[in-house]
Amino acid sequence: MKAPLTHVLDDLVRKTAPVAVTLVLVLVALMHLPIPGFAELAPMLPVMAIYYWSLHRPELLPFWTVFLIGLVIDTLTGGTLGFNALMLLLVSAFMRPQRRYLAERGFAIHWVIFVIVVAAFEFLRWLLMAAIAQKFLSLGDPALRVLLAIALYPCLSWFLLRVDQALLKPA
């Protein structure tokens, strides 16, 4: 017996929620909002989402979707094609094996690991951008992005947890 259309649609929404939420965060990150510090923080919103979903629901955010999300960012920003795709894949690839270790740890440990991941992410991004530009770049903006991401991650994590609980848990 076939499942009713509502069950099929419900299942589709549940399975695509992490990708959809991450893509919405990509769009929010690309908006020019008159919020102090937003321009510096915005690039980290998709990184925070990839970190969260790779830790909590990696089966719903496969590598190929992480790659495509990165390509969407590169395309919409006019950046080097594949740059963000590579950076987001690195975050996801690092977090997946950590899941088993971190599953039984509390939020404080997840946040500490996030600090390490986001600092490494931004440093690697800075190195690659400097190599592409073939000059030394200021560390001011990357440092500010890291600090703002660290401060905002608990709020975004709370939001993503609510999405997880509302959409992804079976009814």
N, C-alpha and C. Protein backbone atom coordinates (compact mmCIF):
# COMPACT_ATOMS: atom_id res chain seq x y z
N MET A 1 0.84 -1.19 0.00
CA MET A 1 0.00 0.00 0.00
C MET A 1 0.88 1.24 0.00
N LYS A 2 0.57 2.19 -0.88
CA LYS A 2 1.36 3.41 -0.98
C LYS A 2 1.01 4.37 0.14
N ALA A 3 2.05 5.13 0.53
CA ALA A 3 1.83 6.14 1.55
C ALA A 3 1.07 7.32 0.95
N PRO A 4 0.19 7.94 1.72
CA PRO A 4 -0.52 9.12 1.21
C PRO A 4 0.46 10.24 0.89
N LEU A 5 0.04 11.10 0.01
CA LEU A 5 0.89 12.21 -0.43
C LEU A 5 1.36 13.06 0.75
N THR A 6 0.53 13.27 1.73
CA THR A 6 0.93 14.08 2.88
C THR A 6 2.09 13.43 3.63
N HIS A 7 2.12 12.11 3.70
CA HIS A 7 3.23 11.43 4.38
C HIS A 7 4.51 11.55 3.56
N VAL A 8 4.37 11.46 2.25
CA VAL A 8 5.53 11.60 1.37
C VAL A 8 6.10 13.01 1.48
N LEU A 9 5.22 14.02 1.44
CA LEU A 9 5.67 15.41 1.57
C LEU A 9 6.27 15.68 2.94
N ASP A 10 5.66 15.13 3.98
CA ASP A 10 6.18 15.29 5.33
C ASP A 10 7.60 14.71 5.43
N ASP A 11 7.78 13.53 4.86
CA ASP A 11 9.09 12.88 4.87
C ASP A 11 10.11 13.71 4.08
N LEU A 12 9.69 14.27 2.95
CA LEU A 12 10.58 15.09 2.13
C LEU A 12 11.02 16.34 2.90
N VAL A 13 10.08 17.00 3.56
CA VAL A 13 10.42 18.20 4.35
C VAL A 13 11.39 17.84 5.46
N ARG A 14 11.14 16.75 6.14
CA ARG A 14 12.02 16.33 7.23
C ARG A 14 13.44 16.04 6.73
N LYS A 15 13.54 15.39 5.59
CA LYS A 15 14.86 15.01 5.07
C LYS A 15 15.63 16.16 4.44
N THR A 16 14.92 17.18 3.99
CA THR A 16 15.60 18.30 3.33
C THR A 16 15.75 19.52 4.24
N ALA A 17 15.25 19.45 5.45
CA ALA A 17 15.30 20.60 6.37
C ALA A 17 16.72 21.12 6.60
N PRO A 18 17.72 20.28 6.88
CA PRO A 18 19.07 20.82 7.09
C PRO A 18 19.61 21.57 5.87
N VAL A 19 19.38 21.04 4.68
CA VAL A 19 19.85 21.72 3.47
C VAL A 19 19.09 23.02 3.28
N ALA A 20 17.78 22.98 3.45
CA ALA A 20 16.97 24.19 3.27
C ALA A 20 17.35 25.28 4.26
N VAL A 21 17.50 24.92 5.52
CA VAL A 21 17.87 25.91 6.54
C VAL A 21 19.26 26.48 6.25
N THR A 22 20.17 25.63 5.83
CA THR A 22 21.53 26.11 5.51
C THR A 22 21.49 27.05 4.31
N LEU A 23 20.70 26.73 3.30
CA LEU A 23 20.58 27.63 2.14
C LEU A 23 19.93 28.96 2.52
N VAL A 24 18.96 28.94 3.43
CA VAL A 24 18.38 30.19 3.92
C VAL A 24 19.45 31.02 4.63
N LEU A 25 20.30 30.36 5.42
CA LEU A 25 21.39 31.08 6.09
C LEU A 25 22.40 31.64 5.09
N VAL A 26 22.61 30.94 3.98
CA VAL A 26 23.46 31.46 2.91
C VAL A 26 22.86 32.76 2.39
N LEU A 27 21.56 32.75 2.13
CA LEU A 27 20.89 33.95 1.61
C LEU A 27 20.93 35.09 2.64
N VAL A 28 20.71 34.77 3.90
CA VAL A 28 20.79 35.79 4.95
C VAL A 28 22.21 36.36 5.00
N ALA A 29 23.20 35.50 4.85
CA ALA A 29 24.60 35.95 4.90
C ALA A 29 24.92 36.90 3.75
N LEU A 30 24.22 36.75 2.64
CA LEU A 30 24.49 37.60 1.47
C LEU A 30 23.70 38.90 1.48
N MET A 31 22.77 39.03 2.42
CA MET A 31 21.98 40.25 2.52
C MET A 31 22.82 41.37 3.12
N HIS A 32 22.53 42.58 2.68
CA HIS A 32 23.20 43.74 3.25
C HIS A 32 22.27 44.35 4.30
N LEU A 33 22.47 43.91 5.54
CA LEU A 33 21.62 44.38 6.63
C LEU A 33 22.33 45.49 7.41
N PRO A 34 21.59 46.50 7.83
CA PRO A 34 22.20 47.61 8.58
C PRO A 34 22.39 47.26 10.06
N ILE A 35 23.05 46.15 10.30
CA ILE A 35 23.32 45.70 11.67
C ILE A 35 24.82 45.81 11.89
N PRO A 36 25.25 46.52 12.94
CA PRO A 36 26.70 46.65 13.17
C PRO A 36 27.38 45.28 13.30
N GLY A 37 28.43 45.09 12.54
CA GLY A 37 29.20 43.85 12.59
C GLY A 37 28.64 42.73 11.73
N PHE A 38 27.46 42.93 11.10
CA PHE A 38 26.85 41.85 10.34
C PHE A 38 27.69 41.45 9.14
N ALA A 39 28.26 42.41 8.45
CA ALA A 39 29.06 42.10 7.25
C ALA A 39 30.25 41.21 7.60
N GLU A 40 30.81 41.40 8.78
CA GLU A 40 31.94 40.59 9.20
C GLU A 40 31.50 39.18 9.61
N LEU A 41 30.32 39.08 10.20
CA LEU A 41 29.82 37.80 10.70
C LEU A 41 29.17 36.96 9.61
N ALA A 42 28.54 37.60 8.66
CA ALA A 42 27.70 36.92 7.68
C ALA A 42 28.36 35.69 7.03
N PRO A 43 29.61 35.76 6.61
CA PRO A 43 30.19 34.57 5.97
C PRO A 43 30.25 33.34 6.87
N MET A 44 30.14 33.52 8.15
CA MET A 44 30.25 32.38 9.07
C MET A 44 28.91 31.67 9.30
N LEU A 45 27.80 32.26 8.92
CA LEU A 45 26.49 31.62 9.15
C LEU A 45 26.41 30.23 8.49
N PRO A 46 26.77 30.09 7.21
CA PRO A 46 26.74 28.75 6.62
C PRO A 46 27.73 27.78 7.29
N VAL A 47 28.87 28.28 7.72
CA VAL A 47 29.86 27.44 8.41
C VAL A 47 29.26 26.90 9.70
N MET A 48 28.56 27.76 10.44
CA MET A 48 27.93 27.33 11.69
C MET A 48 26.90 26.25 11.43
N ALA A 49 26.11 26.42 10.37
CA ALA A 49 25.09 25.43 10.04
C ALA A 49 25.72 24.10 9.62
N ILE A 50 26.76 24.16 8.81
CA ILE A 50 27.44 22.93 8.37
C ILE A 50 28.04 22.23 9.58
N TYR A 51 28.63 22.98 10.48
CA TYR A 51 29.19 22.39 11.70
C TYR A 51 28.09 21.68 12.49
N TYR A 52 26.99 22.38 12.72
CA TYR A 52 25.90 21.83 13.52
C TYR A 52 25.34 20.56 12.88
N TRP A 53 24.96 20.64 11.60
CA TRP A 53 24.32 19.49 10.96
C TRP A 53 25.30 18.33 10.78
N SER A 54 26.57 18.61 10.55
CA SER A 54 27.57 17.54 10.42
C SER A 54 27.76 16.82 11.75
N LEU A 55 27.54 17.52 12.83
CA LEU A 55 27.67 16.92 14.16
C LEU A 55 26.39 16.17 14.55
N HIS A 56 25.23 16.73 14.24
CA HIS A 56 23.97 16.17 14.73
C HIS A 56 23.19 15.33 13.73
N ARG A 57 23.26 15.68 12.46
CA ARG A 57 22.47 14.96 11.44
C ARG A 57 23.25 14.81 10.13
N PRO A 58 24.43 14.21 10.16
CA PRO A 58 25.24 14.13 8.93
C PRO A 58 24.57 13.34 7.81
N GLU A 59 23.71 12.40 8.17
CA GLU A 59 23.03 11.60 7.14
C GLU A 59 22.08 12.46 6.30
N LEU A 60 21.67 13.60 6.82
CA LEU A 60 20.77 14.49 6.08
C LEU A 60 21.50 15.63 5.39
N LEU A 61 22.82 15.66 5.53
CA LEU A 61 23.64 16.66 4.86
C LEU A 61 24.86 15.97 4.27
N PRO A 62 24.63 15.16 3.21
CA PRO A 62 25.76 14.43 2.62
C PRO A 62 26.79 15.37 2.01
N PHE A 63 27.98 14.83 1.77
CA PHE A 63 29.07 15.65 1.25
C PHE A 63 28.71 16.36 -0.05
N TRP A 64 27.97 15.69 -0.91
CA TRP A 64 27.65 16.32 -2.19
C TRP A 64 26.77 17.56 -1.99
N THR A 65 25.89 17.56 -0.99
CA THR A 65 25.07 18.75 -0.74
C THR A 65 25.91 19.86 -0.11
N VAL A 66 26.86 19.49 0.75
CA VAL A 66 27.78 20.49 1.32
C VAL A 66 28.56 21.15 0.19
N PHE A 67 29.03 20.33 -0.74
CA PHE A 67 29.77 20.85 -1.89
C PHE A 67 28.90 21.81 -2.71
N LEU A 68 27.65 21.41 -2.98
CA LEU A 68 26.76 22.27 -3.75
C LEU A 68 26.43 23.57 -3.03
N ILE A 69 26.27 23.51 -1.72
CA ILE A 69 26.03 24.73 -0.94
C ILE A 69 27.23 25.67 -1.09
N GLY A 70 28.42 25.12 -1.02
CA GLY A 70 29.63 25.93 -1.22
C GLY A 70 29.67 26.53 -2.62
N LEU A 71 29.28 25.77 -3.63
CA LEU A 71 29.24 26.30 -5.00
C LEU A 71 28.20 27.41 -5.14
N VAL A 72 27.07 27.26 -4.44
CA VAL A 72 26.05 28.32 -4.45
C VAL A 72 26.65 29.60 -3.88
N ILE A 73 27.36 29.49 -2.78
CA ILE A 73 27.99 30.67 -2.17
C ILE A 73 28.99 31.29 -3.15
N ASP A 74 29.84 30.45 -3.75
CA ASP A 74 30.84 30.96 -4.70
C ASP A 74 30.17 31.65 -5.89
N THR A 75 29.09 31.07 -6.38
CA THR A 75 28.39 31.63 -7.54
C THR A 75 27.72 32.95 -7.18
N LEU A 76 27.04 32.99 -6.04
CA LEU A 76 26.33 34.21 -5.66
C LEU A 76 27.25 35.35 -5.25
N THR A 77 28.43 35.02 -4.74
CA THR A 77 29.36 36.07 -4.31
C THR A 77 30.34 36.46 -5.41
N GLY A 78 30.41 35.65 -6.46
CA GLY A 78 31.38 35.94 -7.52
C GLY A 78 32.79 35.58 -7.10
N GLY A 79 32.91 34.75 -6.08
CA GLY A 79 34.22 34.34 -5.59
C GLY A 79 34.83 33.25 -6.46
N THR A 80 35.99 32.81 -6.05
CA THR A 80 36.68 31.74 -6.76
C THR A 80 35.84 30.47 -6.67
N LEU A 81 35.45 29.95 -7.83
CA LEU A 81 34.57 28.79 -7.88
C LEU A 81 35.24 27.58 -7.22
N GLY A 82 34.57 27.03 -6.24
CA GLY A 82 35.09 25.88 -5.52
C GLY A 82 35.73 26.22 -4.19
N PHE A 83 36.02 27.50 -3.96
CA PHE A 83 36.71 27.91 -2.74
C PHE A 83 35.87 27.60 -1.50
N ASN A 84 34.66 28.13 -1.47
CA ASN A 84 33.79 27.88 -0.31
C ASN A 84 33.34 26.42 -0.26
N ALA A 85 33.18 25.81 -1.42
CA ALA A 85 32.83 24.40 -1.46
C ALA A 85 33.91 23.58 -0.74
N LEU A 86 35.16 23.86 -1.03
CA LEU A 86 36.27 23.16 -0.38
C LEU A 86 36.29 23.45 1.12
N MET A 87 36.12 24.70 1.49
CA MET A 87 36.18 25.07 2.90
C MET A 87 35.05 24.40 3.70
N LEU A 88 33.84 24.39 3.16
CA LEU A 88 32.73 23.75 3.86
C LEU A 88 32.89 22.23 3.92
N LEU A 89 33.43 21.65 2.85
CA LEU A 89 33.70 20.21 2.87
C LEU A 89 34.71 19.85 3.95
N LEU A 90 35.70 20.70 4.14
CA LEU A 90 36.69 20.45 5.18
C LEU A 90 36.05 20.45 6.57
N VAL A 91 35.16 21.40 6.81
CA VAL A 91 34.45 21.46 8.10
C VAL A 91 33.64 20.19 8.29
N SER A 92 32.87 19.82 7.27
CA SER A 92 32.01 18.65 7.38
C SER A 92 32.85 17.37 7.53
N ALA A 93 33.90 17.25 6.75
CA ALA A 93 34.75 16.05 6.81
C ALA A 93 35.45 15.93 8.16
N PHE A 94 35.79 17.05 8.77
CA PHE A 94 36.43 17.01 10.10
C PHE A 94 35.42 16.61 11.18
N MET A 95 34.20 17.13 11.08
CA MET A 95 33.23 16.92 12.14
C MET A 95 32.62 15.52 12.16
N ARG A 96 32.43 14.91 11.04
CA ARG A 96 31.75 13.61 11.00
C ARG A 96 32.42 12.54 11.85
N PRO A 97 33.73 12.37 11.77
CA PRO A 97 34.35 11.35 12.64
C PRO A 97 34.30 11.72 14.12
N GLN A 98 34.17 13.01 14.43
CA GLN A 98 34.13 13.47 15.82
C GLN A 98 32.78 13.20 16.46
N ARG A 99 31.80 12.92 15.63
CA ARG A 99 30.43 12.76 16.11
C ARG A 99 30.33 11.70 17.21
N ARG A 100 30.97 10.58 16.99
CA ARG A 100 30.90 9.49 17.96
C ARG A 100 31.45 9.94 19.31
N TYR A 101 32.55 10.66 19.30
CA TYR A 101 33.17 11.13 20.54
C TYR A 101 32.32 12.23 21.19
N LEU A 102 31.79 13.12 20.38
CA LEU A 102 31.07 14.28 20.91
C LEU A 102 29.60 14.01 21.24
N ALA A 103 29.07 12.90 20.78
CA ALA A 103 27.64 12.61 20.97
C ALA A 103 27.22 12.64 22.43
N GLU A 104 28.06 12.17 23.31
CA GLU A 104 27.70 12.10 24.72
C GLU A 104 28.20 13.29 25.53
N ARG A 105 28.79 14.25 24.86
CA ARG A 105 29.29 15.44 25.54
C ARG A 105 28.22 16.52 25.52
N GLY A 106 28.35 17.47 26.42
CA GLY A 106 27.39 18.56 26.50
C GLY A 106 27.70 19.69 25.54
N PHE A 107 26.83 20.69 25.57
CA PHE A 107 26.98 21.82 24.66
C PHE A 107 28.31 22.55 24.85
N ALA A 108 28.78 22.65 26.08
CA ALA A 108 30.04 23.38 26.33
C ALA A 108 31.19 22.77 25.53
N ILE A 109 31.25 21.45 25.47
CA ILE A 109 32.32 20.79 24.70
C ILE A 109 32.10 21.03 23.20
N HIS A 110 30.85 20.97 22.76
CA HIS A 110 30.55 21.25 21.34
C HIS A 110 30.98 22.66 20.98
N TRP A 111 30.78 23.58 21.89
CA TRP A 111 31.13 24.98 21.65
C TRP A 111 32.65 25.14 21.60
N VAL A 112 33.36 24.48 22.49
CA VAL A 112 34.83 24.55 22.48
C VAL A 112 35.37 24.00 21.16
N ILE A 113 34.83 22.88 20.71
CA ILE A 113 35.25 22.31 19.43
C ILE A 113 34.90 23.27 18.30
N PHE A 114 33.73 23.92 18.39
CA PHE A 114 33.36 24.92 17.39
C PHE A 114 34.39 26.04 17.34
N VAL A 115 34.83 26.50 18.49
CA VAL A 115 35.84 27.56 18.54
C VAL A 115 37.09 27.13 17.77
N ILE A 116 37.53 25.91 17.99
CA ILE A 116 38.72 25.40 17.30
C ILE A 116 38.47 25.30 15.80
N VAL A 117 37.31 24.75 15.43
CA VAL A 117 36.99 24.56 14.01
C VAL A 117 36.87 25.90 13.30
N VAL A 118 36.15 26.83 13.89
CA VAL A 118 35.93 28.11 13.22
C VAL A 118 37.23 28.92 13.14
N ALA A 119 38.07 28.83 14.15
CA ALA A 119 39.37 29.53 14.09
C ALA A 119 40.25 28.91 13.00
N ALA A 120 40.28 27.59 12.93
CA ALA A 120 41.07 26.92 11.89
C ALA A 120 40.50 27.23 10.51
N PHE A 121 39.18 27.20 10.39
CA PHE A 121 38.51 27.51 9.13
C PHE A 121 38.90 28.91 8.65
N GLU A 122 38.78 29.87 9.53
CA GLU A 122 39.07 31.26 9.14
C GLU A 122 40.55 31.47 8.85
N PHE A 123 41.43 30.80 9.61
CA PHE A 123 42.86 30.92 9.35
C PHE A 123 43.20 30.32 7.98
N LEU A 124 42.65 29.16 7.69
CA LEU A 124 42.88 28.52 6.39
C LEU A 124 42.32 29.38 5.26
N ARG A 125 41.14 29.94 5.48
CA ARG A 125 40.55 30.84 4.49
C ARG A 125 41.46 32.04 4.26
N TRP A 126 41.98 32.60 5.35
CA TRP A 126 42.88 33.75 5.25
C TRP A 126 44.15 33.37 4.47
N LEU A 127 44.72 32.20 4.77
CA LEU A 127 45.91 31.74 4.05
C LEU A 127 45.64 31.58 2.55
N LEU A 128 44.53 30.94 2.21
CA LEU A 128 44.20 30.74 0.80
C LEU A 128 43.94 32.07 0.09
N MET A 129 43.25 32.98 0.75
CA MET A 129 42.98 34.30 0.15
C MET A 129 44.28 35.07 -0.05
N ALA A 130 45.19 34.97 0.91
CA ALA A 130 46.49 35.64 0.77
C ALA A 130 47.28 35.03 -0.38
N ALA A 131 47.21 33.72 -0.52
CA ALA A 131 47.92 33.05 -1.62
C ALA A 131 47.33 33.45 -2.96
N ILE A 132 46.01 33.54 -3.03
CA ILE A 132 45.36 33.96 -4.28
C ILE A 132 45.73 35.41 -4.61
N ALA A 133 45.71 36.28 -3.60
CA ALA A 133 46.04 37.69 -3.80
C ALA A 133 47.55 37.92 -3.92
N GLN A 134 48.33 36.94 -3.52
CA GLN A 134 49.79 37.00 -3.52
C GLN A 134 50.32 38.19 -2.73
N LYS A 135 49.67 38.40 -1.56
CA LYS A 135 50.14 39.44 -0.64
C LYS A 135 49.63 39.13 0.75
N PHE A 136 50.24 39.75 1.74
CA PHE A 136 49.84 39.58 3.13
C PHE A 136 48.55 40.36 3.36
N LEU A 137 47.57 39.70 3.92
CA LEU A 137 46.29 40.34 4.21
C LEU A 137 46.16 40.60 5.71
N SER A 138 45.39 41.60 6.05
CA SER A 138 45.16 41.93 7.45
C SER A 138 44.43 40.79 8.15
N LEU A 139 44.76 40.59 9.42
CA LEU A 139 44.09 39.57 10.23
C LEU A 139 42.92 40.14 11.02
N GLY A 140 42.68 41.45 10.89
CA GLY A 140 41.62 42.10 11.66
C GLY A 140 40.23 41.55 11.37
N ASP A 141 39.83 41.53 10.10
CA ASP A 141 38.49 41.03 9.75
C ASP A 141 38.33 39.55 10.07
N PRO A 142 39.30 38.70 9.74
CA PRO A 142 39.13 37.28 10.12
C PRO A 142 39.00 37.09 11.63
N ALA A 143 39.77 37.83 12.40
CA ALA A 143 39.70 37.70 13.86
C ALA A 143 38.33 38.15 14.36
N LEU A 144 37.81 39.24 13.80
CA LEU A 144 36.48 39.72 14.19
C LEU A 144 35.41 38.71 13.81
N ARG A 145 35.53 38.12 12.60
CA ARG A 145 34.57 37.09 12.18
C ARG A 145 34.56 35.91 13.14
N VAL A 146 35.73 35.48 13.56
CA VAL A 146 35.83 34.36 14.49
C VAL A 146 35.18 34.72 15.82
N LEU A 147 35.49 35.88 16.36
CA LEU A 147 34.92 36.29 17.65
C LEU A 147 33.39 36.41 17.58
N LEU A 148 32.89 37.01 16.52
CA LEU A 148 31.45 37.15 16.37
C LEU A 148 30.78 35.78 16.19
N ALA A 149 31.41 34.89 15.44
CA ALA A 149 30.85 33.55 15.25
C ALA A 149 30.81 32.79 16.57
N ILE A 150 31.86 32.92 17.36
CA ILE A 150 31.90 32.26 18.67
C ILE A 150 30.77 32.78 19.55
N ALA A 151 30.55 34.10 19.51
CA ALA A 151 29.50 34.69 20.33
C ALA A 151 28.10 34.30 19.85
N LEU A 152 27.91 34.18 18.54
CA LEU A 152 26.59 33.91 17.99
C LEU A 152 26.26 32.42 17.96
N TYR A 153 27.25 31.55 17.97
CA TYR A 153 26.97 30.12 17.80
C TYR A 153 25.95 29.57 18.80
N PRO A 154 25.98 29.92 20.07
CA PRO A 154 24.96 29.37 20.97
C PRO A 154 23.53 29.70 20.52
N CYS A 155 23.32 30.92 20.02
CA CYS A 155 21.98 31.30 19.56
C CYS A 155 21.59 30.53 18.31
N LEU A 156 22.50 30.44 17.35
CA LEU A 156 22.19 29.71 16.12
C LEU A 156 22.04 28.22 16.40
N SER A 157 22.84 27.70 17.29
CA SER A 157 22.74 26.29 17.67
C SER A 157 21.38 26.01 18.31
N TRP A 158 20.93 26.91 19.16
CA TRP A 158 19.62 26.77 19.78
C TRP A 158 18.53 26.74 18.71
N PHE A 159 18.62 27.66 17.74
CA PHE A 159 17.65 27.70 16.64
C PHE A 159 17.67 26.40 15.84
N LEU A 160 18.85 25.92 15.49
CA LEU A 160 18.97 24.69 14.71
C LEU A 160 18.47 23.48 15.50
N LEU A 161 18.69 23.50 16.79
CA LEU A 161 18.16 22.43 17.64
C LEU A 161 16.63 22.42 17.60
N ARG A 162 16.03 23.61 17.62
CA ARG A 162 14.57 23.70 17.54
C ARG A 162 14.06 23.19 16.19
N VAL A 163 14.78 23.54 15.12
CA VAL A 163 14.42 23.01 13.80
C VAL A 163 14.52 21.49 13.82
N ASP A 164 15.59 20.99 14.39
CA ASP A 164 15.81 19.55 14.50
C ASP A 164 14.65 18.90 15.25
N GLN A 165 14.30 19.46 16.37
CA GLN A 165 13.22 18.88 17.19
C GLN A 165 11.86 19.01 16.50
N ALA A 166 11.59 20.11 15.84
CA ALA A 166 10.28 20.34 15.25
C ALA A 166 10.08 19.57 13.95
N LEU A 167 11.10 19.56 13.11
CA LEU A 167 10.93 18.99 11.78
C LEU A 167 11.51 17.60 11.60
N LEU A 168 12.55 17.31 12.32
CA LEU A 168 13.27 16.10 12.01
C LEU A 168 12.93 14.90 12.89
N LYS A 169 12.40 15.15 14.04
CA LYS A 169 12.02 14.03 14.92
C LYS A 169 10.71 13.46 14.40
N PRO A 170 10.58 12.15 14.38
CA PRO A 170 9.30 11.57 13.95
C PRO A 170 8.16 12.01 14.85
N ALA A 171 7.02 12.22 14.26
CA ALA A 171 5.85 12.71 15.01
C ALA A 171 5.30 11.62 15.93
